[in-house]
Amino acid sequence: MTMRWQTILLVGTFVALQAGKAQAQEFDLQPPGDREFVSDKAGMLDEPSITHIRDVCDKLLTSGLRKADISVAICETIHHATASLESALPRTEHDVNELPDTLVLLD
């Protein structure tokens, strides 16, 4: 065997051995906290209303995740929560956002 073919064979063997090695990475995943659908920082809702909205949203999200992808389930849940809040707290002509809008992020 010539030196060139020996080098190619040696490099090919090394690459094949490296490709056969499995690598694993361990992640320390913490369980998610409580789902917070309604943050009533202005104190406009009573506790039974907040509990009702959370229960409805939790059921919608859980059932939505079983039949749709996560982004669709979350969007539908937020839409339903918004509709529920609009009926309880209708907008008036001079309404302004007293609190900043919240962006929902998923890790």
PDB file of N, CA and C in Angstrom:
ATOM      1  N   MET A   1       0.838  -1.172   0.000  1.00  0.00           N
ATOM      2  CA  MET A   1       0.000   0.000   0.000  1.00  0.00           C
ATOM      3  C   MET A   1       0.883   1.236   0.000  1.00  0.00           C
ATOM      4  N   THR A   2       0.459   2.202  -0.768  1.00  0.00           N
ATOM      5  CA  THR A   2       1.244   3.428  -0.801  1.00  0.00           C
ATOM      6  C   THR A   2       0.922   4.273   0.421  1.00  0.00           C
ATOM      7  N   MET A   3       1.789   5.231   0.675  1.00  0.00           N
ATOM      8  CA  MET A   3       1.617   6.115   1.835  1.00  0.00           C
ATOM      9  C   MET A   3       0.316   6.910   1.732  1.00  0.00           C
ATOM     10  N   ARG A   4      -0.050   7.328   0.513  1.00  0.00           N
ATOM     11  CA  ARG A   4      -1.278   8.109   0.326  1.00  0.00           C
ATOM     12  C   ARG A   4      -2.494   7.289   0.741  1.00  0.00           C
ATOM     13  N   TRP A   5      -2.596   6.045   0.305  1.00  0.00           N
ATOM     14  CA  TRP A   5      -3.743   5.194   0.642  1.00  0.00           C
ATOM     15  C   TRP A   5      -3.768   4.855   2.127  1.00  0.00           C
ATOM     16  N   GLN A   6      -2.600   4.699   2.727  1.00  0.00           N
ATOM     17  CA  GLN A   6      -2.553   4.441   4.165  1.00  0.00           C
ATOM     18  C   GLN A   6      -3.102   5.641   4.947  1.00  0.00           C
ATOM     19  N   THR A   7      -2.736   6.841   4.498  1.00  0.00           N
ATOM     20  CA  THR A   7      -3.228   8.051   5.157  1.00  0.00           C
ATOM     21  C   THR A   7      -4.740   8.170   5.002  1.00  0.00           C
ATOM     22  N   ILE A   8      -5.247   7.927   3.801  1.00  0.00           N
ATOM     23  CA  ILE A   8      -6.690   7.996   3.559  1.00  0.00           C
ATOM     24  C   ILE A   8      -7.411   6.953   4.401  1.00  0.00           C
ATOM     25  N   LEU A   9      -6.870   5.735   4.466  1.00  0.00           N
ATOM     26  CA  LEU A   9      -7.480   4.674   5.262  1.00  0.00           C
ATOM     27  C   LEU A   9      -7.471   5.033   6.745  1.00  0.00           C
ATOM     28  N   LEU A  10      -6.365   5.580   7.221  1.00  0.00           N
ATOM     29  CA  LEU A  10      -6.261   5.966   8.623  1.00  0.00           C
ATOM     30  C   LEU A  10      -7.245   7.093   8.959  1.00  0.00           C
ATOM     31  N   VAL A  11      -7.329   8.114   8.108  1.00  0.00           N
ATOM     32  CA  VAL A  11      -8.257   9.223   8.326  1.00  0.00           C
ATOM     33  C   VAL A  11      -9.695   8.722   8.239  1.00  0.00           C
ATOM     34  N   GLY A  12      -9.994   7.869   7.272  1.00  0.00           N
ATOM     35  CA  GLY A  12     -11.342   7.318   7.131  1.00  0.00           C
ATOM     36  C   GLY A  12     -11.745   6.499   8.342  1.00  0.00           C
ATOM     37  N   THR A  13     -10.825   5.717   8.883  1.00  0.00           N
ATOM     38  CA  THR A  13     -11.104   4.922  10.079  1.00  0.00           C
ATOM     39  C   THR A  13     -11.357   5.831  11.273  1.00  0.00           C
ATOM     40  N   PHE A  14     -10.546   6.868  11.418  1.00  0.00           N
ATOM     41  CA  PHE A  14     -10.718   7.814  12.525  1.00  0.00           C
ATOM     42  C   PHE A  14     -12.080   8.500  12.441  1.00  0.00           C
ATOM     43  N   VAL A  15     -12.458   8.959  11.252  1.00  0.00           N
ATOM     44  CA  VAL A  15     -13.750   9.629  11.066  1.00  0.00           C
ATOM     45  C   VAL A  15     -14.887   8.663  11.376  1.00  0.00           C
ATOM     46  N   ALA A  16     -14.785   7.429  10.931  1.00  0.00           N
ATOM     47  CA  ALA A  16     -15.835   6.438  11.191  1.00  0.00           C
ATOM     48  C   ALA A  16     -15.957   6.156  12.681  1.00  0.00           C
ATOM     49  N   LEU A  17     -14.832   6.081  13.379  1.00  0.00           N
ATOM     50  CA  LEU A  17     -14.879   5.841  14.822  1.00  0.00           C
ATOM     51  C   LEU A  17     -15.492   7.030  15.551  1.00  0.00           C
ATOM     52  N   GLN A  18     -15.171   8.244  15.108  1.00  0.00           N
ATOM     53  CA  GLN A  18     -15.738   9.434  15.742  1.00  0.00           C
ATOM     54  C   GLN A  18     -17.241   9.540  15.488  1.00  0.00           C
ATOM     55  N   ALA A  19     -17.672   9.171  14.284  1.00  0.00           N
ATOM     56  CA  ALA A  19     -19.098   9.252  13.954  1.00  0.00           C
ATOM     57  C   ALA A  19     -19.902   8.242  14.756  1.00  0.00           C
ATOM     58  N   GLY A  20     -19.284   7.146  15.162  1.00  0.00           N
ATOM     59  CA  GLY A  20     -19.990   6.113  15.907  1.00  0.00           C
ATOM     60  C   GLY A  20     -20.179   6.439  17.379  1.00  0.00           C
ATOM     61  N   LYS A  21     -19.490   7.445  17.878  1.00  0.00           N
ATOM     62  CA  LYS A  21     -19.606   7.798  19.290  1.00  0.00           C
ATOM     63  C   LYS A  21     -20.892   8.576  19.532  1.00  0.00           C
ATOM     64  N   ALA A  22     -21.594   8.210  20.560  1.00  0.00           N
ATOM     65  CA  ALA A  22     -22.818   8.933  20.922  1.00  0.00           C
ATOM     66  C   ALA A  22     -22.485   9.974  21.978  1.00  0.00           C
ATOM     67  N   GLN A  23     -23.077  11.117  21.836  1.00  0.00           N
ATOM     68  CA  GLN A  23     -22.887  12.170  22.817  1.00  0.00           C
ATOM     69  C   GLN A  23     -24.233  12.494  23.438  1.00  0.00           C
ATOM     70  N   ALA A  24     -24.228  12.714  24.718  1.00  0.00           N
ATOM     71  CA  ALA A  24     -25.465  13.064  25.419  1.00  0.00           C
ATOM     72  C   ALA A  24     -25.227  14.314  26.239  1.00  0.00           C
ATOM     73  N   GLN A  25     -26.257  15.089  26.366  1.00  0.00           N
ATOM     74  CA  GLN A  25     -26.185  16.289  27.188  1.00  0.00           C
ATOM     75  C   GLN A  25     -27.331  16.229  28.181  1.00  0.00           C
ATOM     76  N   GLU A  26     -27.023  16.451  29.439  1.00  0.00           N
ATOM     77  CA  GLU A  26     -28.041  16.383  30.482  1.00  0.00           C
ATOM     78  C   GLU A  26     -28.549  17.785  30.796  1.00  0.00           C
ATOM     79  N   PHE A  27     -29.871  17.910  30.864  1.00  0.00           N
ATOM     80  CA  PHE A  27     -30.503  19.183  31.198  1.00  0.00           C
ATOM     81  C   PHE A  27     -31.211  19.046  32.531  1.00  0.00           C
ATOM     82  N   ASP A  28     -31.098  20.064  33.345  1.00  0.00           N
ATOM     83  CA  ASP A  28     -31.814  20.093  34.616  1.00  0.00           C
ATOM     84  C   ASP A  28     -33.081  20.913  34.405  1.00  0.00           C
ATOM     85  N   LEU A  29     -34.184  20.221  34.097  1.00  0.00           N
ATOM     86  CA  LEU A  29     -35.440  20.902  33.830  1.00  0.00           C
ATOM     87  C   LEU A  29     -36.261  20.987  35.099  1.00  0.00           C
ATOM     88  N   GLN A  30     -36.626  22.185  35.444  1.00  0.00           N
ATOM     89  CA  GLN A  30     -37.474  22.402  36.609  1.00  0.00           C
ATOM     90  C   GLN A  30     -38.931  22.380  36.155  1.00  0.00           C
ATOM     91  N   PRO A  31     -39.828  21.863  36.977  1.00  0.00           N
ATOM     92  CA  PRO A  31     -41.239  21.873  36.586  1.00  0.00           C
ATOM     93  C   PRO A  31     -41.740  23.310  36.472  1.00  0.00           C
ATOM     94  N   PRO A  32     -42.680  23.536  35.547  1.00  0.00           N
ATOM     95  CA  PRO A  32     -43.185  24.897  35.397  1.00  0.00           C
ATOM     96  C   PRO A  32     -43.955  25.338  36.623  1.00  0.00           C
ATOM     97  N   GLY A  33     -44.025  26.624  36.816  1.00  0.00           N
ATOM     98  CA  GLY A  33     -44.798  27.173  37.931  1.00  0.00           C
ATOM     99  C   GLY A  33     -46.276  27.183  37.597  1.00  0.00           C
ATOM    100  N   ASP A  34     -47.055  27.799  38.447  1.00  0.00           N
ATOM    101  CA  ASP A  34     -48.481  27.905  38.198  1.00  0.00           C
ATOM    102  C   ASP A  34     -48.719  28.716  36.931  1.00  0.00           C
ATOM    103  N   ARG A  35     -49.716  28.294  36.172  1.00  0.00           N
ATOM    104  CA  ARG A  35     -50.087  29.043  34.977  1.00  0.00           C
ATOM    105  C   ARG A  35     -50.791  30.322  35.418  1.00  0.00           C
ATOM    106  N   GLU A  36     -50.337  31.436  34.894  1.00  0.00           N
ATOM    107  CA  GLU A  36     -50.967  32.699  35.262  1.00  0.00           C
ATOM    108  C   GLU A  36     -51.607  33.295  34.015  1.00  0.00           C
ATOM    109  N   PHE A  37     -52.921  33.169  33.921  1.00  0.00           N
ATOM    110  CA  PHE A  37     -53.645  33.689  32.772  1.00  0.00           C
ATOM    111  C   PHE A  37     -54.115  35.116  33.010  1.00  0.00           C
ATOM    112  N   VAL A  38     -54.419  35.433  34.248  1.00  0.00           N
ATOM    113  CA  VAL A  38     -54.940  36.755  34.568  1.00  0.00           C
ATOM    114  C   VAL A  38     -54.087  37.343  35.679  1.00  0.00           C
ATOM    115  N   SER A  39     -53.527  38.498  35.412  1.00  0.00           N
ATOM    116  CA  SER A  39     -52.758  39.202  36.428  1.00  0.00           C
ATOM    117  C   SER A  39     -53.530  40.474  36.754  1.00  0.00           C
ATOM    118  N   ASP A  40     -54.258  40.450  37.852  1.00  0.00           N
ATOM    119  CA  ASP A  40     -55.130  41.569  38.226  1.00  0.00           C
ATOM    120  C   ASP A  40     -54.392  42.506  39.177  1.00  0.00           C
ATOM    121  N   LYS A  41     -53.398  43.205  38.651  1.00  0.00           N
ATOM    122  CA  LYS A  41     -52.605  44.097  39.493  1.00  0.00           C
ATOM    123  C   LYS A  41     -53.374  45.352  39.889  1.00  0.00           C
ATOM    124  N   ALA A  42     -54.435  45.659  39.157  1.00  0.00           N
ATOM    125  CA  ALA A  42     -55.244  46.832  39.485  1.00  0.00           C
ATOM    126  C   ALA A  42     -56.308  46.499  40.522  1.00  0.00           C
ATOM    127  N   GLY A  43     -56.491  45.223  40.842  1.00  0.00           N
ATOM    128  CA  GLY A  43     -57.462  44.820  41.853  1.00  0.00           C
ATOM    129  C   GLY A  43     -58.910  45.018  41.436  1.00  0.00           C
ATOM    130  N   MET A  44     -59.206  44.822  40.152  1.00  0.00           N
ATOM    131  CA  MET A  44     -60.557  45.059  39.651  1.00  0.00           C
ATOM    132  C   MET A  44     -61.441  43.812  39.682  1.00  0.00           C
ATOM    133  N   LEU A  45     -60.842  42.631  39.831  1.00  0.00           N
ATOM    134  CA  LEU A  45     -61.621  41.391  39.840  1.00  0.00           C
ATOM    135  C   LEU A  45     -61.626  40.797  41.234  1.00  0.00           C
ATOM    136  N   ASP A  46     -62.746  40.181  41.600  1.00  0.00           N
ATOM    137  CA  ASP A  46     -62.782  39.494  42.894  1.00  0.00           C
ATOM    138  C   ASP A  46     -62.196  38.086  42.722  1.00  0.00           C
ATOM    139  N   GLU A  47     -61.856  37.460  43.828  1.00  0.00           N
ATOM    140  CA  GLU A  47     -61.182  36.156  43.792  1.00  0.00           C
ATOM    141  C   GLU A  47     -62.001  35.081  43.069  1.00  0.00           C
ATOM    142  N   PRO A  48     -63.325  34.984  43.275  1.00  0.00           N
ATOM    143  CA  PRO A  48     -64.086  33.976  42.521  1.00  0.00           C
ATOM    144  C   PRO A  48     -64.006  34.183  41.003  1.00  0.00           C
ATOM    145  N   SER A  49     -63.971  35.430  40.553  1.00  0.00           N
ATOM    146  CA  SER A  49     -63.857  35.698  39.111  1.00  0.00           C
ATOM    147  C   SER A  49     -62.504  35.252  38.579  1.00  0.00           C
ATOM    148  N   ILE A  50     -61.456  35.569  39.324  1.00  0.00           N
ATOM    149  CA  ILE A  50     -60.110  35.157  38.910  1.00  0.00           C
ATOM    150  C   ILE A  50     -60.014  33.640  38.879  1.00  0.00           C
ATOM    151  N   THR A  51     -60.537  32.978  39.894  1.00  0.00           N
ATOM    152  CA  THR A  51     -60.513  31.515  39.949  1.00  0.00           C
ATOM    153  C   THR A  51     -61.281  30.927  38.774  1.00  0.00           C
ATOM    154  N   HIS A  52     -62.439  31.498  38.462  1.00  0.00           N
ATOM    155  CA  HIS A  52     -63.241  31.009  37.335  1.00  0.00           C
ATOM    156  C   HIS A  52     -62.471  31.145  36.021  1.00  0.00           C
ATOM    157  N   ILE A  53     -61.876  32.303  35.794  1.00  0.00           N
ATOM    158  CA  ILE A  53     -61.127  32.523  34.556  1.00  0.00           C
ATOM    159  C   ILE A  53     -59.942  31.567  34.472  1.00  0.00           C
ATOM    160  N   ARG A  54     -59.231  31.383  35.569  1.00  0.00           N
ATOM    161  CA  ARG A  54     -58.099  30.447  35.571  1.00  0.00           C
ATOM    162  C   ARG A  54     -58.553  29.026  35.274  1.00  0.00           C
ATOM    163  N   ASP A  55     -59.668  28.605  35.874  1.00  0.00           N
ATOM    164  CA  ASP A  55     -60.179  27.251  35.631  1.00  0.00           C
ATOM    165  C   ASP A  55     -60.564  27.055  34.170  1.00  0.00           C
ATOM    166  N   VAL A  56     -61.274  28.030  33.615  1.00  0.00           N
ATOM    167  CA  VAL A  56     -61.688  27.934  32.209  1.00  0.00           C
ATOM    168  C   VAL A  56     -60.465  27.896  31.296  1.00  0.00           C
ATOM    169  N   CYS A  57     -59.505  28.772  31.532  1.00  0.00           N
ATOM    170  CA  CYS A  57     -58.298  28.815  30.704  1.00  0.00           C
ATOM    171  C   CYS A  57     -57.481  27.540  30.838  1.00  0.00           C
ATOM    172  N   ASP A  58     -57.389  27.011  32.041  1.00  0.00           N
ATOM    173  CA  ASP A  58     -56.650  25.771  32.255  1.00  0.00           C
ATOM    174  C   ASP A  58     -57.289  24.623  31.481  1.00  0.00           C
ATOM    175  N   LYS A  59     -58.617  24.537  31.520  1.00  0.00           N
ATOM    176  CA  LYS A  59     -59.317  23.485  30.776  1.00  0.00           C
ATOM    177  C   LYS A  59     -59.138  23.668  29.274  1.00  0.00           C
ATOM    178  N   LEU A  60     -59.256  24.908  28.797  1.00  0.00           N
ATOM    179  CA  LEU A  60     -59.078  25.173  27.370  1.00  0.00           C
ATOM    180  C   LEU A  60     -57.671  24.828  26.910  1.00  0.00           C
ATOM    181  N   LEU A  61     -56.681  25.235  27.686  1.00  0.00           N
ATOM    182  CA  LEU A  61     -55.297  24.970  27.311  1.00  0.00           C
ATOM    183  C   LEU A  61     -55.015  23.478  27.310  1.00  0.00           C
ATOM    184  N   THR A  62     -55.475  22.775  28.334  1.00  0.00           N
ATOM    185  CA  THR A  62     -55.235  21.334  28.414  1.00  0.00           C
ATOM    186  C   THR A  62     -55.905  20.604  27.258  1.00  0.00           C
ATOM    187  N   SER A  63     -57.169  20.909  26.987  1.00  0.00           N
ATOM    188  CA  SER A  63     -57.862  20.231  25.887  1.00  0.00           C
ATOM    189  C   SER A  63     -57.278  20.655  24.542  1.00  0.00           C
ATOM    190  N   GLY A  64     -56.878  21.917  24.416  1.00  0.00           N
ATOM    191  CA  GLY A  64     -56.275  22.384  23.175  1.00  0.00           C
ATOM    192  C   GLY A  64     -54.952  21.715  22.879  1.00  0.00           C
ATOM    193  N   LEU A  65     -54.165  21.440  23.905  1.00  0.00           N
ATOM    194  CA  LEU A  65     -52.871  20.784  23.706  1.00  0.00           C
ATOM    195  C   LEU A  65     -53.038  19.342  23.260  1.00  0.00           C
ATOM    196  N   ARG A  66     -54.161  18.738  23.590  1.00  0.00           N
ATOM    197  CA  ARG A  66     -54.395  17.349  23.185  1.00  0.00           C
ATOM    198  C   ARG A  66     -54.754  17.236  21.712  1.00  0.00           C
ATOM    199  N   LYS A  67     -55.314  18.305  21.129  1.00  0.00           N
ATOM    200  CA  LYS A  67     -55.761  18.200  19.741  1.00  0.00           C
ATOM    201  C   LYS A  67     -55.082  19.178  18.782  1.00  0.00           C
ATOM    202  N   ALA A  68     -54.271  20.087  19.272  1.00  0.00           N
ATOM    203  CA  ALA A  68     -53.619  21.067  18.396  1.00  0.00           C
ATOM    204  C   ALA A  68     -52.183  21.275  18.856  1.00  0.00           C
ATOM    205  N   ASP A  69     -51.440  22.041  18.086  1.00  0.00           N
ATOM    206  CA  ASP A  69     -50.084  22.322  18.555  1.00  0.00           C
ATOM    207  C   ASP A  69     -50.128  23.402  19.630  1.00  0.00           C
ATOM    208  N   ILE A  70     -49.042  23.548  20.327  1.00  0.00           N
ATOM    209  CA  ILE A  70     -49.012  24.391  21.523  1.00  0.00           C
ATOM    210  C   ILE A  70     -49.308  25.855  21.206  1.00  0.00           C
ATOM    211  N   SER A  71     -48.804  26.366  20.083  1.00  0.00           N
ATOM    212  CA  SER A  71     -49.031  27.783  19.778  1.00  0.00           C
ATOM    213  C   SER A  71     -50.507  28.060  19.503  1.00  0.00           C
ATOM    214  N   VAL A  72     -51.189  27.140  18.811  1.00  0.00           N
ATOM    215  CA  VAL A  72     -52.622  27.309  18.549  1.00  0.00           C
ATOM    216  C   VAL A  72     -53.400  27.256  19.858  1.00  0.00           C
ATOM    217  N   ALA A  73     -53.057  26.303  20.727  1.00  0.00           N
ATOM    218  CA  ALA A  73     -53.758  26.162  22.010  1.00  0.00           C
ATOM    219  C   ALA A  73     -53.584  27.408  22.872  1.00  0.00           C
ATOM    220  N   ILE A  74     -52.379  27.951  22.921  1.00  0.00           N
ATOM    221  CA  ILE A  74     -52.125  29.147  23.732  1.00  0.00           C
ATOM    222  C   ILE A  74     -52.874  30.351  23.158  1.00  0.00           C
ATOM    223  N   CYS A  75     -52.841  30.526  21.830  1.00  0.00           N
ATOM    224  CA  CYS A  75     -53.547  31.656  21.211  1.00  0.00           C
ATOM    225  C   CYS A  75     -55.048  31.568  21.455  1.00  0.00           C
ATOM    226  N   GLU A  76     -55.620  30.374  21.315  1.00  0.00           N
ATOM    227  CA  GLU A  76     -57.057  30.214  21.551  1.00  0.00           C
ATOM    228  C   GLU A  76     -57.410  30.484  23.014  1.00  0.00           C
ATOM    229  N   THR A  77     -56.553  30.049  23.922  1.00  0.00           N
ATOM    230  CA  THR A  77     -56.803  30.280  25.348  1.00  0.00           C
ATOM    231  C   THR A  77     -56.746  31.769  25.672  1.00  0.00           C
ATOM    232  N   ILE A  78     -55.750  32.469  25.146  1.00  0.00           N
ATOM    233  CA  ILE A  78     -55.641  33.910  25.379  1.00  0.00           C
ATOM    234  C   ILE A  78     -56.844  34.635  24.781  1.00  0.00           C
ATOM    235  N   HIS A  79     -57.268  34.223  23.584  1.00  0.00           N
ATOM    236  CA  HIS A  79     -58.445  34.839  22.954  1.00  0.00           C
ATOM    237  C   HIS A  79     -59.691  34.638  23.818  1.00  0.00           C
ATOM    238  N   HIS A  80     -59.885  33.427  24.336  1.00  0.00           N
ATOM    239  CA  HIS A  80     -61.052  33.150  25.176  1.00  0.00           C
ATOM    240  C   HIS A  80     -60.988  33.959  26.473  1.00  0.00           C
ATOM    241  N   ALA A  81     -59.800  34.054  27.079  1.00  0.00           N
ATOM    242  CA  ALA A  81     -59.655  34.842  28.313  1.00  0.00           C
ATOM    243  C   ALA A  81     -59.969  36.310  28.046  1.00  0.00           C
ATOM    244  N   THR A  82     -59.512  36.814  26.910  1.00  0.00           N
ATOM    245  CA  THR A  82     -59.793  38.202  26.548  1.00  0.00           C
ATOM    246  C   THR A  82     -61.289  38.427  26.372  1.00  0.00           C
ATOM    247  N   ALA A  83     -61.956  37.487  25.697  1.00  0.00           N
ATOM    248  CA  ALA A  83     -63.407  37.608  25.496  1.00  0.00           C
ATOM    249  C   ALA A  83     -64.137  37.583  26.841  1.00  0.00           C
ATOM    250  N   SER A  84     -63.692  36.733  27.761  1.00  0.00           N
ATOM    251  CA  SER A  84     -64.323  36.667  29.087  1.00  0.00           C
ATOM    252  C   SER A  84     -64.136  37.975  29.844  1.00  0.00           C
ATOM    253  N   LEU A  85     -62.949  38.541  29.760  1.00  0.00           N
ATOM    254  CA  LEU A  85     -62.684  39.798  30.459  1.00  0.00           C
ATOM    255  C   LEU A  85     -63.448  40.961  29.829  1.00  0.00           C
ATOM    256  N   GLU A  86     -63.606  40.940  28.508  1.00  0.00           N
ATOM    257  CA  GLU A  86     -64.334  42.028  27.847  1.00  0.00           C
ATOM    258  C   GLU A  86     -65.795  42.070  28.271  1.00  0.00           C
ATOM    259  N   SER A  87     -66.372  40.896  28.516  1.00  0.00           N
ATOM    260  CA  SER A  87     -67.773  40.900  28.942  1.00  0.00           C
ATOM    261  C   SER A  87     -67.905  41.402  30.384  1.00  0.00           C
ATOM    262  N   ALA A  88     -66.905  41.117  31.210  1.00  0.00           N
ATOM    263  CA  ALA A  88     -66.950  41.559  32.614  1.00  0.00           C
ATOM    264  C   ALA A  88     -66.482  43.006  32.769  1.00  0.00           C
ATOM    265  N   LEU A  89     -65.549  43.408  31.937  1.00  0.00           N
ATOM    266  CA  LEU A  89     -64.969  44.760  32.024  1.00  0.00           C
ATOM    267  C   LEU A  89     -65.018  45.421  30.650  1.00  0.00           C
ATOM    268  N   PRO A  90     -66.186  45.878  30.223  1.00  0.00           N
ATOM    269  CA  PRO A  90     -66.285  46.456  28.874  1.00  0.00           C
ATOM    270  C   PRO A  90     -65.474  47.744  28.752  1.00  0.00           C
ATOM    271  N   ARG A  91     -64.966  47.971  27.553  1.00  0.00           N
ATOM    272  CA  ARG A  91     -64.217  49.198  27.275  1.00  0.00           C
ATOM    273  C   ARG A  91     -65.159  50.388  27.233  1.00  0.00           C
ATOM    274  N   THR A  92     -64.615  51.520  27.625  1.00  0.00           N
ATOM    275  CA  THR A  92     -65.350  52.776  27.475  1.00  0.00           C
ATOM    276  C   THR A  92     -64.575  53.668  26.516  1.00  0.00           C
ATOM    277  N   GLU A  93     -65.149  54.781  26.166  1.00  0.00           N
ATOM    278  CA  GLU A  93     -64.555  55.659  25.159  1.00  0.00           C
ATOM    279  C   GLU A  93     -63.173  56.181  25.562  1.00  0.00           C
ATOM    280  N   HIS A  94     -62.964  56.440  26.835  1.00  0.00           N
ATOM    281  CA  HIS A  94     -61.715  57.068  27.281  1.00  0.00           C
ATOM    282  C   HIS A  94     -60.763  56.092  27.974  1.00  0.00           C
ATOM    283  N   ASP A  95     -60.920  54.804  27.719  1.00  0.00           N
ATOM    284  CA  ASP A  95     -60.033  53.815  28.344  1.00  0.00           C
ATOM    285  C   ASP A  95     -58.600  53.957  27.838  1.00  0.00           C
ATOM    286  N   VAL A  96     -57.667  53.749  28.726  1.00  0.00           N
ATOM    287  CA  VAL A  96     -56.248  53.688  28.371  1.00  0.00           C
ATOM    288  C   VAL A  96     -55.670  52.452  29.050  1.00  0.00           C
ATOM    289  N   ASN A  97     -54.540  51.999  28.561  1.00  0.00           N
ATOM    290  CA  ASN A  97     -53.853  50.886  29.210  1.00  0.00           C
ATOM    291  C   ASN A  97     -53.155  51.413  30.454  1.00  0.00           C
ATOM    292  N   GLU A  98     -53.685  51.065  31.614  1.00  0.00           N
ATOM    293  CA  GLU A  98     -53.045  51.492  32.858  1.00  0.00           C
ATOM    294  C   GLU A  98     -51.799  50.666  33.146  1.00  0.00           C
ATOM    295  N   LEU A  99     -51.815  49.443  32.683  1.00  0.00           N
ATOM    296  CA  LEU A  99     -50.694  48.532  32.912  1.00  0.00           C
ATOM    297  C   LEU A  99     -50.071  48.174  31.571  1.00  0.00           C
ATOM    298  N   PRO A 100     -48.778  47.874  31.558  1.00  0.00           N
ATOM    299  CA  PRO A 100     -48.144  47.507  30.296  1.00  0.00           C
ATOM    300  C   PRO A 100     -48.671  46.163  29.793  1.00  0.00           C
ATOM    301  N   ASP A 101     -48.681  46.016  28.472  1.00  0.00           N
ATOM    302  CA  ASP A 101     -49.049  44.729  27.894  1.00  0.00           C
ATOM    303  C   ASP A 101     -47.967  43.717  28.245  1.00  0.00           C
ATOM    304  N   THR A 102     -48.367  42.473  28.365  1.00  0.00           N
ATOM    305  CA  THR A 102     -47.427  41.422  28.740  1.00  0.00           C
ATOM    306  C   THR A 102     -47.175  40.522  27.548  1.00  0.00           C
ATOM    307  N   LEU A 103     -45.940  40.199  27.316  1.00  0.00           N
ATOM    308  CA  LEU A 103     -45.560  39.285  26.256  1.00  0.00           C
ATOM    309  C   LEU A 103     -45.423  37.897  26.852  1.00  0.00           C
ATOM    310  N   VAL A 104     -46.040  36.905  26.214  1.00  0.00           N
ATOM    311  CA  VAL A 104     -45.980  35.530  26.698  1.00  0.00           C
ATOM    312  C   VAL A 104     -44.808  34.846  26.018  1.00  0.00           C
ATOM    313  N   LEU A 105     -43.864  34.352  26.818  1.00  0.00           N
ATOM    314  CA  LEU A 105     -42.702  33.641  26.285  1.00  0.00           C
ATOM    315  C   LEU A 105     -42.691  32.221  26.808  1.00  0.00           C
ATOM    316  N   LEU A 106     -42.348  31.289  25.948  1.00  0.00           N
ATOM    317  CA  LEU A 106     -42.216  29.890  26.347  1.00  0.00           C
ATOM    318  C   LEU A 106     -40.770  29.478  26.171  1.00  0.00           C
ATOM    319  N   ASP A 107     -40.230  28.864  27.169  1.00  0.00           N
ATOM    320  CA  ASP A 107     -38.849  28.355  27.060  1.00  0.00           C
ATOM    321  C   ASP A 107     -38.883  26.933  26.602  1.00  0.00           C
TER     322      ASP A 107
END
